[in-house]
Amino acid sequence: MKNVNYYLAAITASTIWGFFSFVLRPLAAWSSVDILFYRVFTSAILLLVTSTALRKAAWKAGRRKYTALSTGDKRGLVRQVLGGGVFLTANWFFFIFVLNHRSIKAASLAYLVCPILTTVLAWLILKEKLSRGQWVAVGMSICGCLLLAFHHLVDLLYSLVIAVSYAFYLISQRKNYGIDKFLLLTMQVIFSALLLLPFYPFYRGPVPTAALFYILIGVIAVFLTIIPLWLSLFALQGLKSSTVGIILYINPLLGFVIAVTCYGEKVRPAEGVAYGVIVLSVILFNWMNPALKPPPAQAPAPDFSGRNVRGH
């Protein structure tokens, strides 16, 4: 199988995010804005300290590569950093708000819609080609999501906002300018923190005093922000945006299972059917991916030695 490391990175990132509710639900007593502030500020500080202390050589190499880029590529890289910071900030805020103030299923629906949007946007913007079988899988996904959204129009609208922000993030990060992905992530999260900093004095709540708050924020920053985002950026080096988007289905499917088994959210029969259709679409999409096909067997090289093989 080609690109197995990139697939493992994308699958691991999506699986990690599937367990997000276990950490976010205990923080429901705090406002979504405060969770966002502390998540981003903590992630930015950790990334800056880590990259400064342990990645000095990568920073120097990054500066050399940036200097060697053409003017157009320099602008593209700057847009990639700034755009990534904006899309991440929007995605994080709306996801936290929907999960804590709507339902886990509504938040999960966002990441059911996101792969479809990512696939279509990658086809429109990046000109990524899909096979007929993959388009059939996309159609199945759309049917499954429409079935889930039936009678839940408000949840669908919230989900679309979350999905669009992350889909554009994946699309914006597809081009590789040769910059270390950990450094790229560091710059994006620092920019996100700078975006939020002016709003902090006006929109923050009382400074949290509970130790649990800071413990959970630390877990979110390291295990649910830095690690999976770095894995996603790594995966985009070897996989199409549409493929990474489809693999993202693991996140809401896990969220659905957790919502039902751990939090007792009720499931209609139609929802069970819809999730089953989506699971089949994920399997079909990746089954039809040329990157998963074994290379064609090569014919043996002709023997030009002039020897008679039968007479051997």
C-alpha atoms as a PDB file:
ATOM      1  CA  MET A   1       0.000   0.000   0.000  1.00  0.00           C
ATOM      2  CA  LYS A   2       1.271   3.433  -0.924  1.00  0.00           C
ATOM      3  CA  ASN A   3       1.457   6.288   1.551  1.00  0.00           C
ATOM      4  CA  VAL A   4       0.713   4.070   4.555  1.00  0.00           C
ATOM      5  CA  ASN A   5       2.326   6.518   7.007  1.00  0.00           C
ATOM      6  CA  TYR A   6       0.145   9.362   5.739  1.00  0.00           C
ATOM      7  CA  TYR A   7      -2.963   7.215   6.083  1.00  0.00           C
ATOM      8  CA  LEU A   8      -1.995   6.224   9.627  1.00  0.00           C
ATOM      9  CA  ALA A   9      -1.456   9.886  10.531  1.00  0.00           C
ATOM     10  CA  ALA A  10      -4.871  10.930   9.178  1.00  0.00           C
ATOM     11  CA  ILE A  11      -6.642   7.989  10.837  1.00  0.00           C
ATOM     12  CA  THR A  12      -4.937   8.636  14.180  1.00  0.00           C
ATOM     13  CA  ALA A  13      -5.842  12.348  14.125  1.00  0.00           C
ATOM     14  CA  SER A  14      -9.501  11.643  13.360  1.00  0.00           C
ATOM     15  CA  THR A  15      -9.673   8.910  16.016  1.00  0.00           C
ATOM     16  CA  ILE A  16      -8.241  11.236  18.675  1.00  0.00           C
ATOM     17  CA  TRP A  17     -10.817  13.930  17.864  1.00  0.00           C
ATOM     18  CA  GLY A  18     -13.594  11.343  18.161  1.00  0.00           C
ATOM     19  CA  PHE A  19     -13.027  11.257  21.937  1.00  0.00           C
ATOM     20  CA  PHE A  20     -13.151  15.063  22.324  1.00  0.00           C
ATOM     21  CA  SER A  21     -16.489  14.991  24.166  1.00  0.00           C
ATOM     22  CA  PHE A  22     -14.935  13.148  27.122  1.00  0.00           C
ATOM     23  CA  VAL A  23     -12.809  16.216  27.829  1.00  0.00           C
ATOM     24  CA  LEU A  24     -15.168  18.989  26.724  1.00  0.00           C
ATOM     25  CA  ARG A  25     -18.305  17.851  28.534  1.00  0.00           C
ATOM     26  CA  PRO A  26     -16.742  18.304  32.030  1.00  0.00           C
ATOM     27  CA  LEU A  27     -16.007  21.907  30.978  1.00  0.00           C
ATOM     28  CA  ALA A  28     -19.665  22.702  30.209  1.00  0.00           C
ATOM     29  CA  ALA A  29     -19.879  24.927  33.335  1.00  0.00           C
ATOM     30  CA  TRP A  30     -17.447  27.379  31.717  1.00  0.00           C
ATOM     31  CA  SER A  31     -18.319  29.540  28.722  1.00  0.00           C
ATOM     32  CA  SER A  32     -17.349  28.471  25.208  1.00  0.00           C
ATOM     33  CA  VAL A  33     -15.374  31.691  24.781  1.00  0.00           C
ATOM     34  CA  ASP A  34     -13.264  31.048  27.893  1.00  0.00           C
ATOM     35  CA  ILE A  35     -12.545  27.480  26.794  1.00  0.00           C
ATOM     36  CA  LEU A  36     -11.476  28.816  23.399  1.00  0.00           C
ATOM     37  CA  PHE A  37      -9.246  31.531  24.944  1.00  0.00           C
ATOM     38  CA  TYR A  38      -7.405  29.167  27.254  1.00  0.00           C
ATOM     39  CA  ARG A  39      -7.161  26.399  24.662  1.00  0.00           C
ATOM     40  CA  VAL A  40      -5.554  28.664  22.069  1.00  0.00           C
ATOM     41  CA  PHE A  41      -3.302  30.575  24.492  1.00  0.00           C
ATOM     42  CA  THR A  42      -2.065  27.366  26.127  1.00  0.00           C
ATOM     43  CA  SER A  43      -1.446  25.692  22.747  1.00  0.00           C
ATOM     44  CA  ALA A  44       0.417  28.751  21.451  1.00  0.00           C
ATOM     45  CA  ILE A  45       2.672  28.931  24.514  1.00  0.00           C
ATOM     46  CA  LEU A  46       3.453  25.199  24.411  1.00  0.00           C
ATOM     47  CA  LEU A  47       4.209  25.275  20.691  1.00  0.00           C
ATOM     48  CA  LEU A  48       6.385  28.376  20.980  1.00  0.00           C
ATOM     49  CA  VAL A  49       8.388  27.002  23.917  1.00  0.00           C
ATOM     50  CA  THR A  50       8.805  23.577  22.289  1.00  0.00           C
ATOM     51  CA  SER A  51       9.809  24.891  18.876  1.00  0.00           C
ATOM     52  CA  THR A  52      12.160  27.496  20.359  1.00  0.00           C
ATOM     53  CA  ALA A  53      13.869  25.091  22.733  1.00  0.00           C
ATOM     54  CA  LEU A  54      13.974  21.947  20.601  1.00  0.00           C
ATOM     55  CA  ARG A  55      13.569  23.056  16.986  1.00  0.00           C
ATOM     56  CA  LYS A  56      16.204  25.758  16.508  1.00  0.00           C
ATOM     57  CA  ALA A  57      17.701  23.994  13.495  1.00  0.00           C
ATOM     58  CA  ALA A  58      14.235  23.719  11.920  1.00  0.00           C
ATOM     59  CA  TRP A  59      13.659  27.466  12.413  1.00  0.00           C
ATOM     60  CA  LYS A  60      16.967  28.249  10.684  1.00  0.00           C
ATOM     61  CA  ALA A  61      16.160  25.856   7.829  1.00  0.00           C
ATOM     62  CA  GLY A  62      12.703  27.405   7.554  1.00  0.00           C
ATOM     63  CA  ARG A  63      14.149  30.906   7.228  1.00  0.00           C
ATOM     64  CA  ARG A  64      16.527  29.707   4.494  1.00  0.00           C
ATOM     65  CA  LYS A  65      13.701  28.037   2.583  1.00  0.00           C
ATOM     66  CA  TYR A  66      11.478  31.089   2.911  1.00  0.00           C
ATOM     67  CA  THR A  67      14.256  33.333   1.581  1.00  0.00           C
ATOM     68  CA  ALA A  68      14.733  31.023  -1.389  1.00  0.00           C
ATOM     69  CA  LEU A  69      11.036  31.082  -2.338  1.00  0.00           C
ATOM     70  CA  SER A  70       9.763  33.184  -5.203  1.00  0.00           C
ATOM     71  CA  THR A  71       7.738  36.301  -4.400  1.00  0.00           C
ATOM     72  CA  GLY A  72       4.515  34.526  -5.306  1.00  0.00           C
ATOM     73  CA  ASP A  73       5.312  31.528  -3.097  1.00  0.00           C
ATOM     74  CA  LYS A  74       6.238  33.814  -0.205  1.00  0.00           C
ATOM     75  CA  ARG A  75       2.827  35.442  -0.435  1.00  0.00           C
ATOM     76  CA  GLY A  76       1.204  32.027  -0.698  1.00  0.00           C
ATOM     77  CA  LEU A  77       2.972  30.823   2.437  1.00  0.00           C
ATOM     78  CA  VAL A  78       1.924  33.939   4.366  1.00  0.00           C
ATOM     79  CA  ARG A  79      -1.691  33.395   3.253  1.00  0.00           C
ATOM     80  CA  GLN A  80      -1.415  29.756   4.316  1.00  0.00           C
ATOM     81  CA  VAL A  81      -0.306  30.763   7.820  1.00  0.00           C
ATOM     82  CA  LEU A  82      -2.796  33.613   8.288  1.00  0.00           C
ATOM     83  CA  GLY A  83      -5.698  31.804   6.651  1.00  0.00           C
ATOM     84  CA  GLY A  84      -4.994  28.674   8.671  1.00  0.00           C
ATOM     85  CA  GLY A  85      -5.087  30.691  11.892  1.00  0.00           C
ATOM     86  CA  VAL A  86      -8.415  32.305  10.979  1.00  0.00           C
ATOM     87  CA  PHE A  87     -10.088  29.046   9.905  1.00  0.00           C
ATOM     88  CA  LEU A  88      -8.857  27.181  12.987  1.00  0.00           C
ATOM     89  CA  THR A  89     -10.082  29.905  15.348  1.00  0.00           C
ATOM     90  CA  ALA A  90     -13.554  29.918  13.804  1.00  0.00           C
ATOM     91  CA  ASN A  91     -13.735  26.122  13.767  1.00  0.00           C
ATOM     92  CA  TRP A  92     -12.698  25.760  17.409  1.00  0.00           C
ATOM     93  CA  PHE A  93     -15.167  28.341  18.702  1.00  0.00           C
ATOM     94  CA  PHE A  94     -18.221  27.002  16.881  1.00  0.00           C
ATOM     95  CA  PHE A  95     -17.348  23.381  17.691  1.00  0.00           C
ATOM     96  CA  ILE A  96     -17.029  24.108  21.421  1.00  0.00           C
ATOM     97  CA  PHE A  97     -20.256  26.134  21.402  1.00  0.00           C
ATOM     98  CA  VAL A  98     -22.294  23.503  19.562  1.00  0.00           C
ATOM     99  CA  LEU A  99     -20.967  20.566  21.598  1.00  0.00           C
ATOM    100  CA  ASN A 100     -21.591  22.203  24.975  1.00  0.00           C
ATOM    101  CA  HIS A 101     -24.795  24.116  24.150  1.00  0.00           C
ATOM    102  CA  ARG A 102     -26.531  22.023  21.495  1.00  0.00           C
ATOM    103  CA  SER A 103     -25.624  18.321  21.526  1.00  0.00           C
ATOM    104  CA  ILE A 104     -22.809  15.906  20.767  1.00  0.00           C
ATOM    105  CA  LYS A 105     -24.761  14.649  17.760  1.00  0.00           C
ATOM    106  CA  ALA A 106     -25.044  18.185  16.367  1.00  0.00           C
ATOM    107  CA  ALA A 107     -21.274  18.625  16.685  1.00  0.00           C
ATOM    108  CA  SER A 108     -20.739  15.225  15.115  1.00  0.00           C
ATOM    109  CA  LEU A 109     -22.985  16.172  12.204  1.00  0.00           C
ATOM    110  CA  ALA A 110     -20.553  18.997  11.403  1.00  0.00           C
ATOM    111  CA  TYR A 111     -17.787  16.487  10.789  1.00  0.00           C
ATOM    112  CA  LEU A 112     -20.128  14.364   8.726  1.00  0.00           C
ATOM    113  CA  VAL A 113     -20.772  17.341   6.443  1.00  0.00           C
ATOM    114  CA  CYS A 114     -17.112  18.439   6.458  1.00  0.00           C
ATOM    115  CA  PRO A 115     -15.701  15.537   4.379  1.00  0.00           C
ATOM    116  CA  ILE A 116     -18.288  16.155   1.667  1.00  0.00           C
ATOM    117  CA  LEU A 117     -17.484  19.864   1.552  1.00  0.00           C
ATOM    118  CA  THR A 118     -13.751  19.156   1.581  1.00  0.00           C
ATOM    119  CA  THR A 119     -14.055  16.680  -1.285  1.00  0.00           C
ATOM    120  CA  VAL A 120     -16.162  19.013  -3.431  1.00  0.00           C
ATOM    121  CA  LEU A 121     -13.977  22.049  -2.656  1.00  0.00           C
ATOM    122  CA  ALA A 122     -10.814  20.067  -3.436  1.00  0.00           C
ATOM    123  CA  TRP A 123     -12.366  19.092  -6.776  1.00  0.00           C
ATOM    124  CA  LEU A 124     -13.402  22.692  -7.528  1.00  0.00           C
ATOM    125  CA  ILE A 125     -10.373  24.588  -6.196  1.00  0.00           C
ATOM    126  CA  LEU A 126      -7.455  22.151  -6.290  1.00  0.00           C
ATOM    127  CA  LYS A 127      -8.700  20.184  -9.314  1.00  0.00           C
ATOM    128  CA  GLU A 128      -8.267  16.892  -7.443  1.00  0.00           C
ATOM    129  CA  LYS A 129      -9.688  14.079  -9.552  1.00  0.00           C
ATOM    130  CA  LEU A 130     -12.094  11.483  -8.217  1.00  0.00           C
ATOM    131  CA  SER A 131     -13.039   8.163  -9.764  1.00  0.00           C
ATOM    132  CA  ARG A 132     -16.651   7.290 -10.509  1.00  0.00           C
ATOM    133  CA  GLY A 133     -16.718   4.994  -7.521  1.00  0.00           C
ATOM    134  CA  GLN A 134     -15.547   7.811  -5.273  1.00  0.00           C
ATOM    135  CA  TRP A 135     -18.283  10.105  -6.591  1.00  0.00           C
ATOM    136  CA  VAL A 136     -20.792   7.366  -5.788  1.00  0.00           C
ATOM    137  CA  ALA A 137     -19.378   7.326  -2.233  1.00  0.00           C
ATOM    138  CA  VAL A 138     -19.768  11.109  -2.014  1.00  0.00           C
ATOM    139  CA  GLY A 139     -23.383  10.768  -3.141  1.00  0.00           C
ATOM    140  CA  MET A 140     -24.001   8.135  -0.459  1.00  0.00           C
ATOM    141  CA  SER A 141     -22.489  10.461   2.148  1.00  0.00           C
ATOM    142  CA  ILE A 142     -24.771  13.299   1.063  1.00  0.00           C
ATOM    143  CA  CYS A 143     -27.821  11.038   1.363  1.00  0.00           C
ATOM    144  CA  GLY A 144     -26.739   9.917   4.825  1.00  0.00           C
ATOM    145  CA  CYS A 145     -26.192  13.494   6.030  1.00  0.00           C
ATOM    146  CA  LEU A 146     -29.541  14.673   4.631  1.00  0.00           C
ATOM    147  CA  LEU A 147     -31.240  11.808   6.422  1.00  0.00           C
ATOM    148  CA  LEU A 148     -29.553  12.831   9.682  1.00  0.00           C
ATOM    149  CA  ALA A 149     -30.461  16.489   9.217  1.00  0.00           C
ATOM    150  CA  PHE A 150     -34.145  15.729   8.583  1.00  0.00           C
ATOM    151  CA  HIS A 151     -36.212  17.595  11.230  1.00  0.00           C
ATOM    152  CA  HIS A 152     -32.953  19.110  12.592  1.00  0.00           C
ATOM    153  CA  LEU A 153     -32.494  22.160  10.370  1.00  0.00           C
ATOM    154  CA  VAL A 154     -30.950  24.343  13.101  1.00  0.00           C
ATOM    155  CA  ASP A 155     -28.376  21.658  13.925  1.00  0.00           C
ATOM    156  CA  LEU A 156     -27.577  21.393  10.213  1.00  0.00           C
ATOM    157  CA  LEU A 157     -26.940  25.151   9.979  1.00  0.00           C
ATOM    158  CA  TYR A 158     -24.589  25.074  12.973  1.00  0.00           C
ATOM    159  CA  SER A 159     -22.894  22.038  11.508  1.00  0.00           C
ATOM    160  CA  LEU A 160     -22.391  23.757   8.163  1.00  0.00           C
ATOM    161  CA  VAL A 161     -20.549  26.653   9.820  1.00  0.00           C
ATOM    162  CA  ILE A 162     -18.186  24.249  11.611  1.00  0.00           C
ATOM    163  CA  ALA A 163     -17.736  22.122   8.506  1.00  0.00           C
ATOM    164  CA  VAL A 164     -17.006  25.035   6.160  1.00  0.00           C
ATOM    165  CA  SER A 165     -14.327  26.462   8.453  1.00  0.00           C
ATOM    166  CA  TYR A 166     -12.439  23.167   8.743  1.00  0.00           C
ATOM    167  CA  ALA A 167     -12.924  22.247   5.082  1.00  0.00           C
ATOM    168  CA  PHE A 168     -11.304  25.539   4.053  1.00  0.00           C
ATOM    169  CA  TYR A 169      -8.504  24.879   6.538  1.00  0.00           C
ATOM    170  CA  LEU A 170      -7.715  21.528   4.910  1.00  0.00           C
ATOM    171  CA  ILE A 171      -7.886  23.051   1.425  1.00  0.00           C
ATOM    172  CA  SER A 172      -5.636  25.966   2.392  1.00  0.00           C
ATOM    173  CA  GLN A 173      -2.949  23.649   3.778  1.00  0.00           C
ATOM    174  CA  ARG A 174      -2.671  21.315   0.779  1.00  0.00           C
ATOM    175  CA  LYS A 175       0.195  23.102  -0.977  1.00  0.00           C
ATOM    176  CA  ASN A 176       3.629  22.219   0.366  1.00  0.00           C
ATOM    177  CA  TYR A 177       6.126  25.107   0.452  1.00  0.00           C
ATOM    178  CA  GLY A 178       8.832  22.954   2.054  1.00  0.00           C
ATOM    179  CA  ILE A 179       8.409  24.443   5.542  1.00  0.00           C
ATOM    180  CA  ASP A 180       8.499  22.086   8.529  1.00  0.00           C
ATOM    181  CA  LYS A 181       4.880  21.237   9.434  1.00  0.00           C
ATOM    182  CA  PHE A 182       5.440  21.639  13.177  1.00  0.00           C
ATOM    183  CA  LEU A 183       6.745  25.161  12.598  1.00  0.00           C
ATOM    184  CA  LEU A 184       3.849  25.910  10.255  1.00  0.00           C
ATOM    185  CA  LEU A 185       1.400  24.794  12.939  1.00  0.00           C
ATOM    186  CA  THR A 186       3.246  26.884  15.540  1.00  0.00           C
ATOM    187  CA  MET A 187       2.903  30.025  13.434  1.00  0.00           C
ATOM    188  CA  GLN A 188      -0.779  29.364  12.750  1.00  0.00           C
ATOM    189  CA  VAL A 189      -1.683  28.842  16.401  1.00  0.00           C
ATOM    190  CA  ILE A 190       0.360  31.885  17.490  1.00  0.00           C
ATOM    191  CA  PHE A 191      -1.511  33.957  14.908  1.00  0.00           C
ATOM    192  CA  SER A 192      -4.784  32.538  16.244  1.00  0.00           C
ATOM    193  CA  ALA A 193      -3.747  33.606  19.753  1.00  0.00           C
ATOM    194  CA  LEU A 194      -2.899  37.097  18.503  1.00  0.00           C
ATOM    195  CA  LEU A 195      -6.333  37.309  16.861  1.00  0.00           C
ATOM    196  CA  LEU A 196      -8.049  36.454  20.136  1.00  0.00           C
ATOM    197  CA  LEU A 197      -5.849  38.501  22.465  1.00  0.00           C
ATOM    198  CA  PRO A 198      -7.604  41.891  21.896  1.00  0.00           C
ATOM    199  CA  PHE A 199     -10.979  40.283  22.696  1.00  0.00           C
ATOM    200  CA  TYR A 200      -9.829  38.591  25.917  1.00  0.00           C
ATOM    201  CA  PRO A 201     -10.201  41.601  28.301  1.00  0.00           C
ATOM    202  CA  PHE A 202     -13.745  42.299  27.054  1.00  0.00           C
ATOM    203  CA  TYR A 203     -15.252  38.824  26.663  1.00  0.00           C
ATOM    204  CA  ARG A 204     -13.514  36.663  29.256  1.00  0.00           C
ATOM    205  CA  GLY A 205     -15.355  35.473  32.307  1.00  0.00           C
ATOM    206  CA  PRO A 206     -13.990  35.292  35.848  1.00  0.00           C
ATOM    207  CA  VAL A 207     -10.540  33.715  36.004  1.00  0.00           C
ATOM    208  CA  PRO A 208     -11.111  29.980  36.628  1.00  0.00           C
ATOM    209  CA  THR A 209      -9.913  28.768  40.016  1.00  0.00           C
ATOM    210  CA  ALA A 210     -10.691  25.056  39.718  1.00  0.00           C
ATOM    211  CA  ALA A 211      -7.650  22.870  39.083  1.00  0.00           C
ATOM    212  CA  LEU A 212      -9.804  20.599  36.892  1.00  0.00           C
ATOM    213  CA  PHE A 213     -10.240  23.418  34.372  1.00  0.00           C
ATOM    214  CA  TYR A 214      -6.505  23.843  33.814  1.00  0.00           C
ATOM    215  CA  ILE A 215      -5.856  20.094  33.744  1.00  0.00           C
ATOM    216  CA  LEU A 216      -8.477  19.577  31.038  1.00  0.00           C
ATOM    217  CA  ILE A 217      -7.289  22.602  29.067  1.00  0.00           C
ATOM    218  CA  GLY A 218      -3.770  21.123  29.142  1.00  0.00           C
ATOM    219  CA  VAL A 219      -5.109  17.814  27.836  1.00  0.00           C
ATOM    220  CA  ILE A 220      -7.025  19.625  25.075  1.00  0.00           C
ATOM    221  CA  ALA A 221      -3.992  21.707  24.098  1.00  0.00           C
ATOM    222  CA  VAL A 222      -1.561  18.789  23.830  1.00  0.00           C
ATOM    223  CA  PHE A 223      -3.608  15.726  22.916  1.00  0.00           C
ATOM    224  CA  LEU A 224      -6.604  17.250  21.131  1.00  0.00           C
ATOM    225  CA  THR A 225      -5.015  20.234  19.398  1.00  0.00           C
ATOM    226  CA  ILE A 226      -1.273  20.062  18.802  1.00  0.00           C
ATOM    227  CA  ILE A 227      -0.813  16.342  18.150  1.00  0.00           C
ATOM    228  CA  PRO A 228      -3.819  15.713  15.833  1.00  0.00           C
ATOM    229  CA  LEU A 229      -3.310  18.972  13.922  1.00  0.00           C
ATOM    230  CA  TRP A 230       0.336  18.140  13.318  1.00  0.00           C
ATOM    231  CA  LEU A 231      -0.691  14.652  12.165  1.00  0.00           C
ATOM    232  CA  SER A 232      -3.241  16.180   9.774  1.00  0.00           C
ATOM    233  CA  LEU A 233      -0.663  18.520   8.267  1.00  0.00           C
ATOM    234  CA  PHE A 234       1.738  15.594   7.900  1.00  0.00           C
ATOM    235  CA  ALA A 235      -0.979  13.524   6.186  1.00  0.00           C
ATOM    236  CA  LEU A 236      -1.654  16.323   3.692  1.00  0.00           C
ATOM    237  CA  GLN A 237       1.926  15.976   2.435  1.00  0.00           C
ATOM    238  CA  GLY A 238       1.099  12.596   0.911  1.00  0.00           C
ATOM    239  CA  LEU A 239      -2.687  12.466   0.567  1.00  0.00           C
ATOM    240  CA  LYS A 240      -5.243  14.525  -1.283  1.00  0.00           C
ATOM    241  CA  SER A 241      -7.392  16.952   0.709  1.00  0.00           C
ATOM    242  CA  SER A 242     -10.444  14.908  -0.314  1.00  0.00           C
ATOM    243  CA  THR A 243      -8.912  11.716   1.101  1.00  0.00           C
ATOM    244  CA  VAL A 244      -7.991  13.352   4.410  1.00  0.00           C
ATOM    245  CA  GLY A 245     -11.503  14.813   4.508  1.00  0.00           C
ATOM    246  CA  ILE A 246     -13.164  11.434   4.007  1.00  0.00           C
ATOM    247  CA  ILE A 247     -10.989   9.843   6.701  1.00  0.00           C
ATOM    248  CA  LEU A 248     -12.280  12.580   9.005  1.00  0.00           C
ATOM    249  CA  TYR A 249     -15.540  10.584   9.134  1.00  0.00           C
ATOM    250  CA  ILE A 250     -13.950   8.502  11.896  1.00  0.00           C
ATOM    251  CA  ASN A 251     -14.357  11.496  14.231  1.00  0.00           C
ATOM    252  CA  PRO A 252     -18.177  11.873  14.073  1.00  0.00           C
ATOM    253  CA  LEU A 253     -18.764   8.125  13.886  1.00  0.00           C
ATOM    254  CA  LEU A 254     -16.927   7.720  17.180  1.00  0.00           C
ATOM    255  CA  GLY A 255     -18.771  10.758  18.538  1.00  0.00           C
ATOM    256  CA  PHE A 256     -22.072   9.131  17.588  1.00  0.00           C
ATOM    257  CA  VAL A 257     -21.182   5.905  19.395  1.00  0.00           C
ATOM    258  CA  ILE A 258     -20.083   7.855  22.494  1.00  0.00           C
ATOM    259  CA  ALA A 259     -23.225  10.017  22.448  1.00  0.00           C
ATOM    260  CA  VAL A 260     -25.418   6.912  22.466  1.00  0.00           C
ATOM    261  CA  THR A 261     -23.466   4.608  24.774  1.00  0.00           C
ATOM    262  CA  CYS A 262     -21.986   7.057  27.287  1.00  0.00           C
ATOM    263  CA  TYR A 263     -24.323  10.063  27.334  1.00  0.00           C
ATOM    264  CA  GLY A 264     -27.633   8.372  26.591  1.00  0.00           C
ATOM    265  CA  GLU A 265     -28.613  10.550  23.625  1.00  0.00           C
ATOM    266  CA  LYS A 266     -31.559   8.961  21.855  1.00  0.00           C
ATOM    267  CA  VAL A 267     -31.209   7.632  18.333  1.00  0.00           C
ATOM    268  CA  ARG A 268     -33.993   7.354  15.793  1.00  0.00           C
ATOM    269  CA  PRO A 269     -33.985   4.326  13.449  1.00  0.00           C
ATOM    270  CA  ALA A 270     -33.382   6.695  10.529  1.00  0.00           C
ATOM    271  CA  GLU A 271     -30.196   7.938  12.231  1.00  0.00           C
ATOM    272  CA  GLY A 272     -28.901   4.390  12.563  1.00  0.00           C
ATOM    273  CA  VAL A 273     -29.553   3.809   8.854  1.00  0.00           C
ATOM    274  CA  ALA A 274     -27.882   7.126   7.965  1.00  0.00           C
ATOM    275  CA  TYR A 275     -24.722   6.299   9.893  1.00  0.00           C
ATOM    276  CA  GLY A 276     -24.627   2.871   8.287  1.00  0.00           C
ATOM    277  CA  VAL A 277     -24.802   4.465   4.819  1.00  0.00           C
ATOM    278  CA  ILE A 278     -21.986   6.851   5.754  1.00  0.00           C
ATOM    279  CA  VAL A 279     -19.780   3.999   7.004  1.00  0.00           C
ATOM    280  CA  LEU A 280     -20.303   2.184   3.694  1.00  0.00           C
ATOM    281  CA  SER A 281     -19.470   5.383   1.784  1.00  0.00           C
ATOM    282  CA  VAL A 282     -16.172   5.746   3.659  1.00  0.00           C
ATOM    283  CA  ILE A 283     -15.233   2.148   2.867  1.00  0.00           C
ATOM    284  CA  LEU A 284     -16.173   2.579  -0.797  1.00  0.00           C
ATOM    285  CA  PHE A 285     -14.338   5.914  -1.172  1.00  0.00           C
ATOM    286  CA  ASN A 286     -11.070   4.512   0.138  1.00  0.00           C
ATOM    287  CA  TRP A 287     -11.496   1.181  -1.649  1.00  0.00           C
ATOM    288  CA  MET A 288     -11.708   3.091  -4.924  1.00  0.00           C
ATOM    289  CA  ASN A 289      -8.670   5.234  -4.088  1.00  0.00           C
ATOM    290  CA  PRO A 290      -5.847   4.494  -6.580  1.00  0.00           C
ATOM    291  CA  ALA A 291      -3.285   5.091  -3.813  1.00  0.00           C
ATOM    292  CA  LEU A 292      -4.544   1.928  -2.104  1.00  0.00           C
ATOM    293  CA  LYS A 293      -4.237  -0.234  -5.201  1.00  0.00           C
ATOM    294  CA  PRO A 294      -1.152  -2.464  -5.448  1.00  0.00           C
ATOM    295  CA  PRO A 295       1.198  -1.508  -8.271  1.00  0.00           C
ATOM    296  CA  PRO A 296       0.710  -3.543 -11.465  1.00  0.00           C
ATOM    297  CA  ALA A 297       2.961  -6.538 -11.777  1.00  0.00           C
ATOM    298  CA  GLN A 298       5.872  -5.922 -14.108  1.00  0.00           C
ATOM    299  CA  ALA A 299       6.664  -8.382 -16.858  1.00  0.00           C
ATOM    300  CA  PRO A 300       9.992 -10.156 -16.392  1.00  0.00           C
ATOM    301  CA  ALA A 301      12.866  -8.576 -18.281  1.00  0.00           C
ATOM    302  CA  PRO A 302      13.692 -10.395 -21.540  1.00  0.00           C
ATOM    303  CA  ASP A 303      16.800 -12.555 -21.554  1.00  0.00           C
ATOM    304  CA  PHE A 304      19.262 -11.127 -24.091  1.00  0.00           C
ATOM    305  CA  SER A 305      22.090 -13.434 -23.115  1.00  0.00           C
ATOM    306  CA  GLY A 306      21.574 -15.543 -26.282  1.00  0.00           C
ATOM    307  CA  ARG A 307      21.448 -18.763 -24.258  1.00  0.00           C
ATOM    308  CA  ASN A 308      18.905 -21.415 -25.070  1.00  0.00           C
ATOM    309  CA  VAL A 309      16.727 -21.574 -21.946  1.00  0.00           C
ATOM    310  CA  ARG A 310      15.230 -24.964 -22.918  1.00  0.00           C
ATOM    311  CA  GLY A 311      18.668 -26.429 -23.367  1.00  0.00           C
ATOM    312  CA  HIS A 312      19.761 -25.431 -19.872  1.00  0.00           C
END
